[in-house]
Amino acid sequence: MTSPAHMTCREFNEFVMDYISSELAEDVRDEFERHLQGCANCVRYIETYKITVTLGRLAFDSLQHEPPAEVPEELVQAILSAQRNV
């Protein structure tokens, strides 16, 4: 996929996973980051996405690890409950 001239939020969403894993081509990454500079909603989205990835990893890790402080307790409990039901 080529980099759009002005990335929309919908297009931004298509690139999130590759951005997090540092797999975007430089021109697409630059456009992605320009979009982040002007879109508070996408900034919140990517922050939430990163937390979700971290919690997903923790769910399969030892239960002795504590989740980051900014993670809502309800989300932690939902993940732990789902893990016990597997």
C-alpha atoms as a PDB file:
ATOM      1  CA  MET A   1       0.000   0.000   0.000  1.00  0.00           C
ATOM      2  CA  THR A   2       1.375   3.426  -0.846  1.00  0.00           C
ATOM      3  CA  SER A   3       1.413   6.379   1.458  1.00  0.00           C
ATOM      4  CA  PRO A   4      -1.655   8.599   1.041  1.00  0.00           C
ATOM      5  CA  ALA A   5      -1.048  12.336   0.573  1.00  0.00           C
ATOM      6  CA  HIS A   6      -3.035  13.123   3.717  1.00  0.00           C
ATOM      7  CA  MET A   7      -3.656  10.092   5.862  1.00  0.00           C
ATOM      8  CA  THR A   8      -7.163   9.730   7.252  1.00  0.00           C
ATOM      9  CA  CYS A   9      -7.957   8.103  10.587  1.00  0.00           C
ATOM     10  CA  ARG A  10      -9.251   5.040   8.750  1.00  0.00           C
ATOM     11  CA  GLU A  11      -6.002   4.739   6.782  1.00  0.00           C
ATOM     12  CA  PHE A  12      -4.031   5.370   9.971  1.00  0.00           C
ATOM     13  CA  ASN A  13      -5.696   2.352  11.558  1.00  0.00           C
ATOM     14  CA  GLU A  14      -4.458   0.126   8.722  1.00  0.00           C
ATOM     15  CA  PHE A  15      -0.846   0.962   9.598  1.00  0.00           C
ATOM     16  CA  VAL A  16      -0.895   0.782  13.418  1.00  0.00           C
ATOM     17  CA  MET A  17       0.424  -2.759  13.787  1.00  0.00           C
ATOM     18  CA  ASP A  18       3.268  -2.184  11.312  1.00  0.00           C
ATOM     19  CA  TYR A  19       4.111   1.129  12.982  1.00  0.00           C
ATOM     20  CA  ILE A  20       4.333  -0.463  16.436  1.00  0.00           C
ATOM     21  CA  SER A  21       6.597  -3.200  15.081  1.00  0.00           C
ATOM     22  CA  SER A  22       8.762  -0.670  13.139  1.00  0.00           C
ATOM     23  CA  GLU A  23       7.904  -2.274   9.792  1.00  0.00           C
ATOM     24  CA  LEU A  24       6.612   0.763   7.894  1.00  0.00           C
ATOM     25  CA  ALA A  25       8.450   2.154   4.908  1.00  0.00           C
ATOM     26  CA  GLU A  26       9.998   5.532   5.731  1.00  0.00           C
ATOM     27  CA  ASP A  27       7.559   7.579   3.626  1.00  0.00           C
ATOM     28  CA  VAL A  28       4.532   5.856   5.169  1.00  0.00           C
ATOM     29  CA  ARG A  29       5.981   6.192   8.683  1.00  0.00           C
ATOM     30  CA  ASP A  30       6.543   9.908   8.102  1.00  0.00           C
ATOM     31  CA  GLU A  31       2.936  10.390   6.971  1.00  0.00           C
ATOM     32  CA  PHE A  32       1.716   8.265   9.899  1.00  0.00           C
ATOM     33  CA  GLU A  33       3.643  10.445  12.361  1.00  0.00           C
ATOM     34  CA  ARG A  34       2.365  13.654  10.700  1.00  0.00           C
ATOM     35  CA  HIS A  35      -1.145  12.346  11.217  1.00  0.00           C
ATOM     36  CA  LEU A  36      -0.358  11.636  14.891  1.00  0.00           C
ATOM     37  CA  GLN A  37       0.809  15.231  15.361  1.00  0.00           C
ATOM     38  CA  GLY A  38      -2.589  16.566  14.343  1.00  0.00           C
ATOM     39  CA  CYS A  39      -5.064  13.959  15.579  1.00  0.00           C
ATOM     40  CA  ALA A  40      -5.672  13.603  19.305  1.00  0.00           C
ATOM     41  CA  ASN A  41      -8.089  10.701  18.723  1.00  0.00           C
ATOM     42  CA  CYS A  42      -5.440   8.635  16.948  1.00  0.00           C
ATOM     43  CA  VAL A  43      -2.879   9.480  19.643  1.00  0.00           C
ATOM     44  CA  ARG A  44      -5.282   8.060  22.242  1.00  0.00           C
ATOM     45  CA  TYR A  45      -5.977   5.067  20.011  1.00  0.00           C
ATOM     46  CA  ILE A  46      -2.309   4.157  19.591  1.00  0.00           C
ATOM     47  CA  GLU A  47      -1.640   4.591  23.320  1.00  0.00           C
ATOM     48  CA  THR A  48      -4.533   2.236  24.080  1.00  0.00           C
ATOM     49  CA  TYR A  49      -3.309  -0.183  21.416  1.00  0.00           C
ATOM     50  CA  LYS A  50       0.155  -0.309  23.034  1.00  0.00           C
ATOM     51  CA  ILE A  51      -1.383  -0.977  26.460  1.00  0.00           C
ATOM     52  CA  THR A  52      -3.536  -3.747  24.982  1.00  0.00           C
ATOM     53  CA  VAL A  53      -0.495  -5.412  23.414  1.00  0.00           C
ATOM     54  CA  THR A  54       1.357  -5.201  26.728  1.00  0.00           C
ATOM     55  CA  LEU A  55      -1.581  -6.713  28.617  1.00  0.00           C
ATOM     56  CA  GLY A  56      -1.909  -9.458  26.040  1.00  0.00           C
ATOM     57  CA  ARG A  57       1.697 -10.415  26.621  1.00  0.00           C
ATOM     58  CA  LEU A  58       1.216 -10.296  30.382  1.00  0.00           C
ATOM     59  CA  ALA A  59      -1.831 -12.549  30.143  1.00  0.00           C
ATOM     60  CA  PHE A  60       0.380 -15.350  28.864  1.00  0.00           C
ATOM     61  CA  ASP A  61       3.255 -14.521  31.182  1.00  0.00           C
ATOM     62  CA  SER A  62       3.574 -15.336  34.845  1.00  0.00           C
ATOM     63  CA  LEU A  63       0.730 -14.036  36.984  1.00  0.00           C
ATOM     64  CA  GLN A  64       3.390 -12.716  39.353  1.00  0.00           C
ATOM     65  CA  HIS A  65       4.054  -9.717  37.077  1.00  0.00           C
ATOM     66  CA  GLU A  66       2.109  -6.563  37.811  1.00  0.00           C
ATOM     67  CA  PRO A  67       0.462  -4.686  34.920  1.00  0.00           C
ATOM     68  CA  PRO A  68       1.431  -1.051  34.348  1.00  0.00           C
ATOM     69  CA  ALA A  69      -0.242   1.381  36.766  1.00  0.00           C
ATOM     70  CA  GLU A  70      -2.168   3.165  33.996  1.00  0.00           C
ATOM     71  CA  VAL A  71      -4.092   0.008  33.051  1.00  0.00           C
ATOM     72  CA  PRO A  72      -7.715   0.051  34.262  1.00  0.00           C
ATOM     73  CA  GLU A  73      -8.341  -2.570  36.946  1.00  0.00           C
ATOM     74  CA  GLU A  74     -11.516  -3.724  35.162  1.00  0.00           C
ATOM     75  CA  LEU A  75      -9.456  -4.606  32.084  1.00  0.00           C
ATOM     76  CA  VAL A  76      -6.902  -6.531  34.145  1.00  0.00           C
ATOM     77  CA  GLN A  77      -9.663  -8.514  35.859  1.00  0.00           C
ATOM     78  CA  ALA A  78     -11.379  -9.278  32.537  1.00  0.00           C
ATOM     79  CA  ILE A  79      -8.127 -10.631  31.081  1.00  0.00           C
ATOM     80  CA  LEU A  80      -7.382 -12.720  34.166  1.00  0.00           C
ATOM     81  CA  SER A  81     -10.923 -14.092  34.157  1.00  0.00           C
ATOM     82  CA  ALA A  82     -10.688 -15.018  30.478  1.00  0.00           C
ATOM     83  CA  GLN A  83      -7.322 -16.680  31.097  1.00  0.00           C
ATOM     84  CA  ARG A  84      -8.790 -18.821  33.916  1.00  0.00           C
ATOM     85  CA  ASN A  85     -11.629 -19.920  31.612  1.00  0.00           C
ATOM     86  CA  VAL A  86      -9.288 -21.203  28.904  1.00  0.00           C
END
